[in-house]
PDB file of N, CA and C in Angstrom:
ATOM      1  N   MET A   1      -6.635  -2.910 -15.754  1.00  0.00           N
ATOM      2  CA  MET A   1      -5.694  -2.193 -14.918  1.00  0.00           C
ATOM      3  C   MET A   1      -6.098  -2.353 -13.453  1.00  0.00           C
ATOM      4  N   LYS A   2      -5.114  -2.531 -12.602  1.00  0.00           N
ATOM      5  CA  LYS A   2      -5.349  -2.695 -11.172  1.00  0.00           C
ATOM      6  C   LYS A   2      -5.740  -1.351 -10.550  1.00  0.00           C
ATOM      7  N   THR A   3      -6.501  -1.431  -9.485  1.00  0.00           N
ATOM      8  CA  THR A   3      -6.867  -0.241  -8.732  1.00  0.00           C
ATOM      9  C   THR A   3      -6.226  -0.323  -7.352  1.00  0.00           C
ATOM     10  N   TYR A   4      -6.207   0.799  -6.662  1.00  0.00           N
ATOM     11  CA  TYR A   4      -5.639   0.849  -5.327  1.00  0.00           C
ATOM     12  C   TYR A   4      -6.706   0.510  -4.295  1.00  0.00           C
ATOM     13  N   HIS A   5      -6.301  -0.243  -3.286  1.00  0.00           N
ATOM     14  CA  HIS A   5      -7.191  -0.563  -2.174  1.00  0.00           C
ATOM     15  C   HIS A   5      -7.446   0.718  -1.386  1.00  0.00           C
ATOM     16  N   LYS A   6      -8.612   0.813  -0.762  1.00  0.00           N
ATOM     17  CA  LYS A   6      -8.960   2.027  -0.012  1.00  0.00           C
ATOM     18  C   LYS A   6      -7.960   2.316   1.107  1.00  0.00           C
ATOM     19  N   ILE A   7      -7.295   1.306   1.628  1.00  0.00           N
ATOM     20  CA  ILE A   7      -6.273   1.535   2.652  1.00  0.00           C
ATOM     21  C   ILE A   7      -5.139   2.380   2.071  1.00  0.00           C
ATOM     22  N   ALA A   8      -4.668   2.007   0.884  1.00  0.00           N
ATOM     23  CA  ALA A   8      -3.556   2.726   0.262  1.00  0.00           C
ATOM     24  C   ALA A   8      -3.931   4.165  -0.066  1.00  0.00           C
ATOM     25  N   MET A   9      -5.193   4.398  -0.355  1.00  0.00           N
ATOM     26  CA  MET A   9      -5.621   5.733  -0.760  1.00  0.00           C
ATOM     27  C   MET A   9      -5.829   6.680   0.424  1.00  0.00           C
ATOM     28  N   MET A  10      -5.704   6.196   1.643  1.00  0.00           N
ATOM     29  CA  MET A  10      -5.829   7.065   2.819  1.00  0.00           C
ATOM     30  C   MET A  10      -4.600   7.938   3.006  1.00  0.00           C
ATOM     31  N   PHE A  11      -3.494   7.536   2.419  1.00  0.00           N
ATOM     32  CA  PHE A  11      -2.236   8.241   2.629  1.00  0.00           C
ATOM     33  C   PHE A  11      -2.060   9.354   1.610  1.00  0.00           C
ATOM     34  N   PRO A  12      -1.368  10.429   2.002  1.00  0.00           N
ATOM     35  CA  PRO A  12      -1.103  11.508   1.042  1.00  0.00           C
ATOM     36  C   PRO A  12      -0.199  11.000  -0.079  1.00  0.00           C
ATOM     37  N   LEU A  13      -0.382  11.568  -1.255  1.00  0.00           N
ATOM     38  CA  LEU A  13       0.469  11.193  -2.386  1.00  0.00           C
ATOM     39  C   LEU A  13       1.882  11.711  -2.169  1.00  0.00           C
ATOM     40  N   LEU A  14       2.830  11.061  -2.804  1.00  0.00           N
ATOM     41  CA  LEU A  14       4.211  11.521  -2.744  1.00  0.00           C
ATOM     42  C   LEU A  14       4.347  12.815  -3.536  1.00  0.00           C
ATOM     43  N   ALA A  15       5.303  13.641  -3.147  1.00  0.00           N
ATOM     44  CA  ALA A  15       5.635  14.832  -3.916  1.00  0.00           C
ATOM     45  C   ALA A  15       6.299  14.392  -5.223  1.00  0.00           C
ATOM     46  N   ALA A  16       6.296  15.265  -6.215  1.00  0.00           N
ATOM     47  CA  ALA A  16       6.814  14.926  -7.544  1.00  0.00           C
ATOM     48  C   ALA A  16       8.238  14.382  -7.491  1.00  0.00           C
ATOM     49  N   GLU A  17       9.109  15.014  -6.711  1.00  0.00           N
ATOM     50  CA  GLU A  17      10.509  14.548  -6.658  1.00  0.00           C
ATOM     51  C   GLU A  17      10.601  13.178  -5.978  1.00  0.00           C
ATOM     52  N   GLU A  18       9.704  12.891  -5.042  1.00  0.00           N
ATOM     53  CA  GLU A  18       9.696  11.578  -4.396  1.00  0.00           C
ATOM     54  C   GLU A  18       9.222  10.496  -5.364  1.00  0.00           C
ATOM     55  N   VAL A  19       8.265  10.836  -6.220  1.00  0.00           N
ATOM     56  CA  VAL A  19       7.816   9.888  -7.249  1.00  0.00           C
ATOM     57  C   VAL A  19       8.960   9.612  -8.219  1.00  0.00           C
ATOM     58  N   GLU A  20       9.696  10.656  -8.575  1.00  0.00           N
ATOM     59  CA  GLU A  20      10.862  10.490  -9.460  1.00  0.00           C
ATOM     60  C   GLU A  20      11.913   9.587  -8.816  1.00  0.00           C
ATOM     61  N   ASP A  21      12.163   9.776  -7.523  1.00  0.00           N
ATOM     62  CA  ASP A  21      13.119   8.918  -6.807  1.00  0.00           C
ATOM     63  C   ASP A  21      12.646   7.468  -6.795  1.00  0.00           C
ATOM     64  N   LEU A  22      11.357   7.268  -6.531  1.00  0.00           N
ATOM     65  CA  LEU A  22      10.794   5.922  -6.547  1.00  0.00           C
ATOM     66  C   LEU A  22      10.932   5.309  -7.940  1.00  0.00           C
ATOM     67  N   ALA A  23      10.642   6.091  -8.967  1.00  0.00           N
ATOM     68  CA  ALA A  23      10.771   5.604 -10.348  1.00  0.00           C
ATOM     69  C   ALA A  23      12.216   5.213 -10.648  1.00  0.00           C
ATOM     70  N   GLN A  24      13.148   6.001 -10.169  1.00  0.00           N
ATOM     71  CA  GLN A  24      14.567   5.692 -10.393  1.00  0.00           C
ATOM     72  C   GLN A  24      14.948   4.376  -9.725  1.00  0.00           C
ATOM     73  N   ARG A  25      14.479   4.166  -8.496  1.00  0.00           N
ATOM     74  CA  ARG A  25      14.772   2.899  -7.795  1.00  0.00           C
ATOM     75  C   ARG A  25      14.145   1.720  -8.531  1.00  0.00           C
ATOM     76  N   ILE A  26      12.928   1.893  -9.016  1.00  0.00           N
ATOM     77  CA  ILE A  26      12.265   0.825  -9.773  1.00  0.00           C
ATOM     78  C   ILE A  26      13.049   0.529 -11.046  1.00  0.00           C
ATOM     79  N   TYR A  27      13.489   1.577 -11.726  1.00  0.00           N
ATOM     80  CA  TYR A  27      14.272   1.401 -12.956  1.00  0.00           C
ATOM     81  C   TYR A  27      15.580   0.666 -12.666  1.00  0.00           C
ATOM     82  N   GLU A  28      16.263   1.072 -11.612  1.00  0.00           N
ATOM     83  CA  GLU A  28      17.543   0.444 -11.264  1.00  0.00           C
ATOM     84  C   GLU A  28      17.374  -1.018 -10.875  1.00  0.00           C
ATOM     85  N   GLN A  29      16.243  -1.342 -10.266  1.00  0.00           N
ATOM     86  CA  GLN A  29      15.973  -2.727  -9.860  1.00  0.00           C
ATOM     87  C   GLN A  29      15.254  -3.497 -10.955  1.00  0.00           C
ATOM     88  N   ASP A  30      14.990  -2.846 -12.070  1.00  0.00           N
ATOM     89  CA  ASP A  30      14.288  -3.444 -13.205  1.00  0.00           C
ATOM     90  C   ASP A  30      12.965  -4.077 -12.759  1.00  0.00           C
ATOM     91  N   GLY A  31      12.290  -3.407 -11.816  1.00  0.00           N
ATOM     92  CA  GLY A  31      10.991  -3.892 -11.372  1.00  0.00           C
ATOM     93  C   GLY A  31      11.046  -5.211 -10.630  1.00  0.00           C
ATOM     94  N   SER A  32      12.218  -5.560 -10.075  1.00  0.00           N
ATOM     95  CA  SER A  32      12.366  -6.877  -9.443  1.00  0.00           C
ATOM     96  C   SER A  32      11.520  -7.037  -8.179  1.00  0.00           C
ATOM     97  N   ARG A  33      11.144  -5.927  -7.560  1.00  0.00           N
ATOM     98  CA  ARG A  33      10.276  -6.003  -6.380  1.00  0.00           C
ATOM     99  C   ARG A  33       8.823  -5.963  -6.855  1.00  0.00           C
ATOM    100  N   PRO A  34       8.058  -7.000  -6.560  1.00  0.00           N
ATOM    101  CA  PRO A  34       6.673  -7.014  -7.038  1.00  0.00           C
ATOM    102  C   PRO A  34       5.804  -5.976  -6.326  1.00  0.00           C
ATOM    103  N   VAL A  35       4.741  -5.573  -6.998  1.00  0.00           N
ATOM    104  CA  VAL A  35       3.738  -4.679  -6.427  1.00  0.00           C
ATOM    105  C   VAL A  35       2.737  -5.570  -5.693  1.00  0.00           C
ATOM    106  N   VAL A  36       2.544  -5.312  -4.406  1.00  0.00           N
ATOM    107  CA  VAL A  36       1.718  -6.186  -3.575  1.00  0.00           C
ATOM    108  C   VAL A  36       0.249  -5.772  -3.656  1.00  0.00           C
ATOM    109  N   THR A  37      -0.605  -6.793  -3.810  1.00  0.00           N
ATOM    110  CA  THR A  37      -2.046  -6.569  -3.868  1.00  0.00           C
ATOM    111  C   THR A  37      -2.730  -7.337  -2.740  1.00  0.00           C
ATOM    112  N   PHE A  38      -3.946  -6.936  -2.450  1.00  0.00           N
ATOM    113  CA  PHE A  38      -4.792  -7.621  -1.479  1.00  0.00           C
ATOM    114  C   PHE A  38      -6.183  -7.666  -2.091  1.00  0.00           C
ATOM    115  N   HIS A  39      -6.689  -8.871  -2.276  1.00  0.00           N
ATOM    116  CA  HIS A  39      -7.964  -9.047  -2.994  1.00  0.00           C
ATOM    117  C   HIS A  39      -7.916  -8.341  -4.343  1.00  0.00           C
ATOM    118  N   ASN A  40      -6.776  -8.463  -4.995  1.00  0.00           N
ATOM    119  CA  ASN A  40      -6.540  -7.958  -6.349  1.00  0.00           C
ATOM    120  C   ASN A  40      -6.498  -6.430  -6.444  1.00  0.00           C
ATOM    121  N   GLU A  41      -6.370  -5.741  -5.315  1.00  0.00           N
ATOM    122  CA  GLU A  41      -6.208  -4.293  -5.304  1.00  0.00           C
ATOM    123  C   GLU A  41      -4.853  -3.964  -4.683  1.00  0.00           C
ATOM    124  N   ILE A  42      -4.207  -2.926  -5.183  1.00  0.00           N
ATOM    125  CA  ILE A  42      -2.860  -2.568  -4.752  1.00  0.00           C
ATOM    126  C   ILE A  42      -2.871  -2.005  -3.335  1.00  0.00           C
ATOM    127  N   ILE A  43      -2.025  -2.585  -2.467  1.00  0.00           N
ATOM    128  CA  ILE A  43      -1.845  -2.040  -1.115  1.00  0.00           C
ATOM    129  C   ILE A  43      -0.449  -1.449  -0.942  1.00  0.00           C
ATOM    130  N   ASP A  44       0.376  -1.569  -1.964  1.00  0.00           N
ATOM    131  CA  ASP A  44       1.690  -0.941  -1.957  1.00  0.00           C
ATOM    132  C   ASP A  44       1.510   0.566  -2.038  1.00  0.00           C
ATOM    133  N   ASP A  45       2.598   1.284  -2.076  1.00  0.00           N
ATOM    134  CA  ASP A  45       2.572   2.732  -2.154  1.00  0.00           C
ATOM    135  C   ASP A  45       1.594   3.208  -3.229  1.00  0.00           C
ATOM    136  N   ASN A  46       0.815   4.238  -2.899  1.00  0.00           N
ATOM    137  CA  ASN A  46      -0.217   4.697  -3.826  1.00  0.00           C
ATOM    138  C   ASN A  46       0.320   5.471  -5.032  1.00  0.00           C
ATOM    139  N   CYS A  47       1.621   5.547  -5.184  1.00  0.00           N
ATOM    140  CA  CYS A  47       2.234   6.135  -6.381  1.00  0.00           C
ATOM    141  C   CYS A  47       3.019   5.105  -7.177  1.00  0.00           C
ATOM    142  N   THR A  48       2.863   3.835  -6.810  1.00  0.00           N
ATOM    143  CA  THR A  48       3.656   2.771  -7.418  1.00  0.00           C
ATOM    144  C   THR A  48       3.444   2.670  -8.927  1.00  0.00           C
ATOM    145  N   LEU A  49       2.202   2.668  -9.369  1.00  0.00           N
ATOM    146  CA  LEU A  49       1.956   2.508 -10.809  1.00  0.00           C
ATOM    147  C   LEU A  49       2.490   3.693 -11.596  1.00  0.00           C
ATOM    148  N   LEU A  50       2.322   4.899 -11.068  1.00  0.00           N
ATOM    149  CA  LEU A  50       2.862   6.079 -11.733  1.00  0.00           C
ATOM    150  C   LEU A  50       4.380   5.972 -11.834  1.00  0.00           C
ATOM    151  N   ALA A  51       5.028   5.561 -10.761  1.00  0.00           N
ATOM    152  CA  ALA A  51       6.490   5.424 -10.773  1.00  0.00           C
ATOM    153  C   ALA A  51       6.933   4.362 -11.774  1.00  0.00           C
ATOM    154  N   HIS A  52       6.201   3.251 -11.876  1.00  0.00           N
ATOM    155  CA  HIS A  52       6.527   2.231 -12.881  1.00  0.00           C
ATOM    156  C   HIS A  52       6.387   2.807 -14.288  1.00  0.00           C
ATOM    157  N   ARG A  53       5.342   3.582 -14.501  1.00  0.00           N
ATOM    158  CA  ARG A  53       5.122   4.183 -15.827  1.00  0.00           C
ATOM    159  C   ARG A  53       6.268   5.128 -16.166  1.00  0.00           C
ATOM    160  N   ILE A  54       6.683   5.950 -15.208  1.00  0.00           N
ATOM    161  CA  ILE A  54       7.795   6.878 -15.430  1.00  0.00           C
ATOM    162  C   ILE A  54       9.075   6.102 -15.719  1.00  0.00           C
ATOM    163  N   ALA A  55       9.294   5.007 -14.993  1.00  0.00           N
ATOM    164  CA  ALA A  55      10.505   4.198 -15.166  1.00  0.00           C
ATOM    165  C   ALA A  55      10.456   3.329 -16.428  1.00  0.00           C
ATOM    166  N   LYS A  56       9.279   3.272 -17.059  1.00  0.00           N
ATOM    167  CA  LYS A  56       9.072   2.421 -18.240  1.00  0.00           C
ATOM    168  C   LYS A  56       9.366   0.954 -17.917  1.00  0.00           C
ATOM    169  N   VAL A  57       8.878   0.530 -16.741  1.00  0.00           N
ATOM    170  CA  VAL A  57       9.030  -0.845 -16.280  1.00  0.00           C
ATOM    171  C   VAL A  57       7.635  -1.409 -16.048  1.00  0.00           C
ATOM    172  N   THR A  58       7.355  -2.551 -16.628  1.00  0.00           N
ATOM    173  CA  THR A  58       6.061  -3.207 -16.443  1.00  0.00           C
ATOM    174  C   THR A  58       6.001  -3.803 -15.036  1.00  0.00           C
ATOM    175  N   PRO A  59       4.984  -3.402 -14.259  1.00  0.00           N
ATOM    176  CA  PRO A  59       4.909  -3.938 -12.899  1.00  0.00           C
ATOM    177  C   PRO A  59       4.528  -5.410 -12.876  1.00  0.00           C
ATOM    178  N   VAL A  60       5.080  -6.105 -11.899  1.00  0.00           N
ATOM    179  CA  VAL A  60       4.717  -7.498 -11.636  1.00  0.00           C
ATOM    180  C   VAL A  60       3.929  -7.476 -10.329  1.00  0.00           C
ATOM    181  N   PHE A  61       2.787  -8.140 -10.329  1.00  0.00           N
ATOM    182  CA  PHE A  61       1.920  -8.103  -9.153  1.00  0.00           C
ATOM    183  C   PHE A  61       2.023  -9.404  -8.369  1.00  0.00           C
ATOM    184  N   GLU A  62       1.915  -9.269  -7.054  1.00  0.00           N
ATOM    185  CA  GLU A  62       1.968 -10.429  -6.167  1.00  0.00           C
ATOM    186  C   GLU A  62       0.925 -10.227  -5.069  1.00  0.00           C
ATOM    187  N   GLU A  63       0.082 -11.225  -4.869  1.00  0.00           N
ATOM    188  CA  GLU A  63      -0.963 -11.140  -3.849  1.00  0.00           C
ATOM    189  C   GLU A  63      -0.334 -11.252  -2.456  1.00  0.00           C
ATOM    190  N   PHE A  64      -0.810 -10.422  -1.528  1.00  0.00           N
ATOM    191  CA  PHE A  64      -0.336 -10.425  -0.150  1.00  0.00           C
ATOM    192  C   PHE A  64      -0.521 -11.806   0.450  1.00  0.00           C
ATOM    193  N   GLU A  65       0.517 -12.294   1.116  1.00  0.00           N
ATOM    194  CA  GLU A  65       0.480 -13.593   1.773  1.00  0.00           C
ATOM    195  C   GLU A  65       0.458 -13.391   3.283  1.00  0.00           C
ATOM    196  N   PRO A  66      -0.662 -13.690   3.929  1.00  0.00           N
ATOM    197  CA  PRO A  66      -0.700 -13.539   5.389  1.00  0.00           C
ATOM    198  C   PRO A  66       0.150 -14.604   6.060  1.00  0.00           C
ATOM    199  N   SER A  67       0.511 -14.342   7.307  1.00  0.00           N
ATOM    200  CA  SER A  67       1.276 -15.343   8.046  1.00  0.00           C
ATOM    201  C   SER A  67       0.368 -16.527   8.356  1.00  0.00           C
ATOM    202  N   VAL A  68       0.980 -17.643   8.665  1.00  0.00           N
ATOM    203  CA  VAL A  68       0.222 -18.880   8.893  1.00  0.00           C
ATOM    204  C   VAL A  68      -0.661 -18.813  10.127  1.00  0.00           C
ATOM    205  N   ASP A  69      -0.389 -17.885  11.041  1.00  0.00           N
ATOM    206  CA  ASP A  69      -1.189 -17.817  12.256  1.00  0.00           C
ATOM    207  C   ASP A  69      -2.439 -16.944  12.121  1.00  0.00           C
ATOM    208  N   ALA A  70      -2.715 -16.441  10.932  1.00  0.00           N
ATOM    209  CA  ALA A  70      -3.914 -15.628  10.703  1.00  0.00           C
ATOM    210  C   ALA A  70      -5.157 -16.503  10.849  1.00  0.00           C
ATOM    211  N   GLU A  71      -6.107 -16.008  11.625  1.00  0.00           N
ATOM    212  CA  GLU A  71      -7.340 -16.753  11.852  1.00  0.00           C
ATOM    213  C   GLU A  71      -8.515 -15.924  11.337  1.00  0.00           C
ATOM    214  N   GLY A  72      -9.009 -16.261  10.182  1.00  0.00           N
ATOM    215  CA  GLY A  72     -10.181 -15.589   9.648  1.00  0.00           C
ATOM    216  C   GLY A  72      -9.846 -14.357   8.829  1.00  0.00           C
ATOM    217  N   GLU A  73     -10.851 -13.874   8.133  1.00  0.00           N
ATOM    218  CA  GLU A  73     -10.687 -12.754   7.203  1.00  0.00           C
ATOM    219  C   GLU A  73     -10.275 -11.469   7.922  1.00  0.00           C
ATOM    220  N   CYS A  74     -10.768 -11.254   9.124  1.00  0.00           N
ATOM    221  CA  CYS A  74     -10.414 -10.034   9.857  1.00  0.00           C
ATOM    222  C   CYS A  74      -8.921 -10.021  10.192  1.00  0.00           C
ATOM    223  N   ASP A  75      -8.363 -11.134  10.647  1.00  0.00           N
ATOM    224  CA  ASP A  75      -6.928 -11.212  10.928  1.00  0.00           C
ATOM    225  C   ASP A  75      -6.105 -10.973   9.667  1.00  0.00           C
ATOM    226  N   ILE A  76      -6.538 -11.562   8.569  1.00  0.00           N
ATOM    227  CA  ILE A  76      -5.827 -11.378   7.300  1.00  0.00           C
ATOM    228  C   ILE A  76      -5.876  -9.916   6.885  1.00  0.00           C
ATOM    229  N   PHE A  77      -7.050  -9.289   7.029  1.00  0.00           N
ATOM    230  CA  PHE A  77      -7.194  -7.865   6.703  1.00  0.00           C
ATOM    231  C   PHE A  77      -6.253  -7.020   7.558  1.00  0.00           C
ATOM    232  N   ILE A  78      -6.177  -7.305   8.848  1.00  0.00           N
ATOM    233  CA  ILE A  78      -5.307  -6.537   9.748  1.00  0.00           C
ATOM    234  C   ILE A  78      -3.843  -6.708   9.340  1.00  0.00           C
ATOM    235  N   GLN A  79      -3.444  -7.910   8.950  1.00  0.00           N
ATOM    236  CA  GLN A  79      -2.068  -8.111   8.493  1.00  0.00           C
ATOM    237  C   GLN A  79      -1.794  -7.321   7.208  1.00  0.00           C
ATOM    238  N   ALA A  80      -2.738  -7.345   6.281  1.00  0.00           N
ATOM    239  CA  ALA A  80      -2.573  -6.592   5.031  1.00  0.00           C
ATOM    240  C   ALA A  80      -2.530  -5.093   5.313  1.00  0.00           C
ATOM    241  N   MET A  81      -3.373  -4.640   6.219  1.00  0.00           N
ATOM    242  CA  MET A  81      -3.410  -3.241   6.599  1.00  0.00           C
ATOM    243  C   MET A  81      -2.078  -2.832   7.222  1.00  0.00           C
ATOM    244  N   THR A  82      -1.524  -3.673   8.081  1.00  0.00           N
ATOM    245  CA  THR A  82      -0.236  -3.394   8.725  1.00  0.00           C
ATOM    246  C   THR A  82       0.869  -3.281   7.677  1.00  0.00           C
ATOM    247  N   TYR A  83       0.875  -4.196   6.720  1.00  0.00           N
ATOM    248  CA  TYR A  83       1.859  -4.134   5.635  1.00  0.00           C
ATOM    249  C   TYR A  83       1.737  -2.801   4.904  1.00  0.00           C
ATOM    250  N   CYS A  84       0.522  -2.437   4.549  1.00  0.00           N
ATOM    251  CA  CYS A  84       0.273  -1.208   3.797  1.00  0.00           C
ATOM    252  C   CYS A  84       0.745   0.019   4.574  1.00  0.00           C
ATOM    253  N   VAL A  85       0.385   0.100   5.837  1.00  0.00           N
ATOM    254  CA  VAL A  85       0.786   1.237   6.669  1.00  0.00           C
ATOM    255  C   VAL A  85       2.315   1.314   6.746  1.00  0.00           C
ATOM    256  N   ASN A  86       2.976   0.196   6.969  1.00  0.00           N
ATOM    257  CA  ASN A  86       4.439   0.185   7.047  1.00  0.00           C
ATOM    258  C   ASN A  86       5.077   0.657   5.747  1.00  0.00           C
ATOM    259  N   GLU A  87       4.570   0.198   4.618  1.00  0.00           N
ATOM    260  CA  GLU A  87       5.129   0.599   3.316  1.00  0.00           C
ATOM    261  C   GLU A  87       4.978   2.100   3.086  1.00  0.00           C
ATOM    262  N   HIS A  88       3.824   2.637   3.424  1.00  0.00           N
ATOM    263  CA  HIS A  88       3.603   4.066   3.221  1.00  0.00           C
ATOM    264  C   HIS A  88       4.439   4.910   4.175  1.00  0.00           C
ATOM    265  N   MET A  89       4.577   4.472   5.402  1.00  0.00           N
ATOM    266  CA  MET A  89       5.339   5.245   6.380  1.00  0.00           C
ATOM    267  C   MET A  89       6.827   5.266   6.052  1.00  0.00           C
ATOM    268  N   LYS A  90       7.316   4.239   5.361  1.00  0.00           N
ATOM    269  CA  LYS A  90       8.727   4.199   4.970  1.00  0.00           C
ATOM    270  C   LYS A  90       9.045   5.283   3.954  1.00  0.00           C
ATOM    271  N   ARG A  91       8.080   5.654   3.133  1.00  0.00           N
ATOM    272  CA  ARG A  91       8.361   6.502   1.975  1.00  0.00           C
ATOM    273  C   ARG A  91       7.923   7.946   2.117  1.00  0.00           C
ATOM    274  N   ARG A  92       7.186   8.291   3.138  1.00  0.00           N
ATOM    275  CA  ARG A  92       6.671   9.656   3.188  1.00  0.00           C
ATOM    276  C   ARG A  92       6.520  10.138   4.623  1.00  0.00           C
ATOM    277  N   TYR A  93       6.495  11.459   4.731  1.00  0.00           N
ATOM    278  CA  TYR A  93       6.199  12.070   6.010  1.00  0.00           C
ATOM    279  C   TYR A  93       4.683  12.158   6.131  1.00  0.00           C
ATOM    280  N   VAL A  94       4.173  11.708   7.255  1.00  0.00           N
ATOM    281  CA  VAL A  94       2.750  11.817   7.539  1.00  0.00           C
ATOM    282  C   VAL A  94       2.640  12.587   8.852  1.00  0.00           C
ATOM    283  N   SER A  95       1.975  13.738   8.797  1.00  0.00           N
ATOM    284  CA  SER A  95       1.872  14.597   9.978  1.00  0.00           C
ATOM    285  C   SER A  95       1.092  13.894  11.082  1.00  0.00           C
ATOM    286  N   PRO A  96       1.263  14.346  12.316  1.00  0.00           N
ATOM    287  CA  PRO A  96       0.499  13.740  13.416  1.00  0.00           C
ATOM    288  C   PRO A  96      -1.013  13.789  13.192  1.00  0.00           C
ATOM    289  N   ILE A  97      -1.502  14.867  12.630  1.00  0.00           N
ATOM    290  CA  ILE A  97      -2.953  14.960  12.356  1.00  0.00           C
ATOM    291  C   ILE A  97      -3.352  13.939  11.296  1.00  0.00           C
ATOM    292  N   GLN A  98      -2.553  13.809  10.242  1.00  0.00           N
ATOM    293  CA  GLN A  98      -2.844  12.815   9.206  1.00  0.00           C
ATOM    294  C   GLN A  98      -2.815  11.403   9.792  1.00  0.00           C
ATOM    295  N   ARG A  99      -1.845  11.128  10.658  1.00  0.00           N
ATOM    296  CA  ARG A  99      -1.757   9.813  11.302  1.00  0.00           C
ATOM    297  C   ARG A  99      -3.005   9.524  12.126  1.00  0.00           C
ATOM    298  N   ALA A 100      -3.471  10.523  12.848  1.00  0.00           N
ATOM    299  CA  ALA A 100      -4.669  10.345  13.671  1.00  0.00           C
ATOM    300  C   ALA A 100      -5.891  10.064  12.803  1.00  0.00           C
ATOM    301  N   LEU A 101      -6.031  10.800  11.717  1.00  0.00           N
ATOM    302  CA  LEU A 101      -7.175  10.581  10.816  1.00  0.00           C
ATOM    303  C   LEU A 101      -7.115   9.197  10.172  1.00  0.00           C
ATOM    304  N   ILE A 102      -5.923   8.778   9.791  1.00  0.00           N
ATOM    305  CA  ILE A 102      -5.745   7.447   9.206  1.00  0.00           C
ATOM    306  C   ILE A 102      -6.086   6.376  10.239  1.00  0.00           C
ATOM    307  N   ALA A 103      -5.623   6.565  11.471  1.00  0.00           N
ATOM    308  CA  ALA A 103      -5.898   5.591  12.531  1.00  0.00           C
ATOM    309  C   ALA A 103      -7.395   5.458  12.781  1.00  0.00           C
ATOM    310  N   ILE A 104      -8.112   6.577  12.789  1.00  0.00           N
ATOM    311  CA  ILE A 104      -9.572   6.534  12.982  1.00  0.00           C
ATOM    312  C   ILE A 104     -10.235   5.784  11.841  1.00  0.00           C
ATOM    313  N   GLU A 105      -9.817   6.075  10.623  1.00  0.00           N
ATOM    314  CA  GLU A 105     -10.407   5.404   9.463  1.00  0.00           C
ATOM    315  C   GLU A 105     -10.120   3.903   9.477  1.00  0.00           C
ATOM    316  N   LEU A 106      -8.902   3.530   9.850  1.00  0.00           N
ATOM    317  CA  LEU A 106      -8.553   2.113   9.936  1.00  0.00           C
ATOM    318  C   LEU A 106      -9.363   1.415  11.023  1.00  0.00           C
ATOM    319  N   GLU A 107      -9.515   2.080  12.150  1.00  0.00           N
ATOM    320  CA  GLU A 107     -10.311   1.510  13.242  1.00  0.00           C
ATOM    321  C   GLU A 107     -11.757   1.284  12.795  1.00  0.00           C
ATOM    322  N   ASN A 108     -12.308   2.243  12.069  1.00  0.00           N
ATOM    323  CA  ASN A 108     -13.680   2.089  11.551  1.00  0.00           C
ATOM    324  C   ASN A 108     -13.788   0.913  10.594  1.00  0.00           C
ATOM    325  N   MET A 109     -12.783   0.740   9.740  1.00  0.00           N
ATOM    326  CA  MET A 109     -12.785  -0.394   8.804  1.00  0.00           C
ATOM    327  C   MET A 109     -12.782  -1.710   9.563  1.00  0.00           C
ATOM    328  N   ILE A 110     -11.962  -1.809  10.596  1.00  0.00           N
ATOM    329  CA  ILE A 110     -11.882  -3.043  11.376  1.00  0.00           C
ATOM    330  C   ILE A 110     -13.209  -3.303  12.090  1.00  0.00           C
ATOM    331  N   GLU A 111     -13.789  -2.265  12.678  1.00  0.00           N
ATOM    332  CA  GLU A 111     -15.083  -2.423  13.346  1.00  0.00           C
ATOM    333  C   GLU A 111     -16.159  -2.883  12.370  1.00  0.00           C
ATOM    334  N   ASP A 112     -16.172  -2.303  11.172  1.00  0.00           N
ATOM    335  CA  ASP A 112     -17.140  -2.720  10.152  1.00  0.00           C
ATOM    336  C   ASP A 112     -16.954  -4.187   9.781  1.00  0.00           C
ATOM    337  N   MET A 113     -15.678  -4.589   9.647  1.00  0.00           N
ATOM    338  CA  MET A 113     -15.402  -5.981   9.270  1.00  0.00           C
ATOM    339  C   MET A 113     -15.827  -6.935  10.383  1.00  0.00           C
ATOM    340  N   GLN A 114     -15.574  -6.564  11.617  1.00  0.00           N
ATOM    341  CA  GLN A 114     -15.947  -7.426  12.742  1.00  0.00           C
ATOM    342  C   GLN A 114     -17.467  -7.520  12.893  1.00  0.00           C
ATOM    343  N   ALA A 115     -18.176  -6.489  12.469  1.00  0.00           N
ATOM    344  CA  ALA A 115     -19.646  -6.488  12.595  1.00  0.00           C
ATOM    345  C   ALA A 115     -20.314  -7.387  11.553  1.00  0.00           C
ATOM    346  N   THR A 116     -19.599  -7.695  10.475  1.00  0.00           N
ATOM    347  CA  THR A 116     -20.201  -8.524   9.428  1.00  0.00           C
ATOM    348  C   THR A 116     -19.888  -9.987   9.602  1.00  0.00           C
TER     349      THR A 116
END
C-alpha cells in the first residue's frame, strides 16, 4: 500500500462531508484521474485513498513528472511541492495560521535539501 509524502501530511484532513464529495467525484469519473506520487509516495490530497475506498474505485497511480526545465533534485522537489500545495488548496480551507506553519515547514524542507 502506498503512503503519503510528508508534504501531503502537512495539510489538515478534509471534513467527512468533503471526503464524501471527493468520493462521489471519483466514483462519477470512475477513477479516471490518477493519484499522483513523488518518489512512490502520494502527494495528491491526503484523503485520496480514503475517498477511493468509499467510492469502491481502485486507484491508479502516476509518478509526478517535472517540467523539462527542472535542474537537479531540489528543483524537482520544489515542483512536486508546488503541485501538492496547489492540489490541497483547491479542496480545503486552510487558515492563515495553518498556511504560515506550512510555509515554515516547506522552507525548512527546502533548506535541508539544499544543505545535502
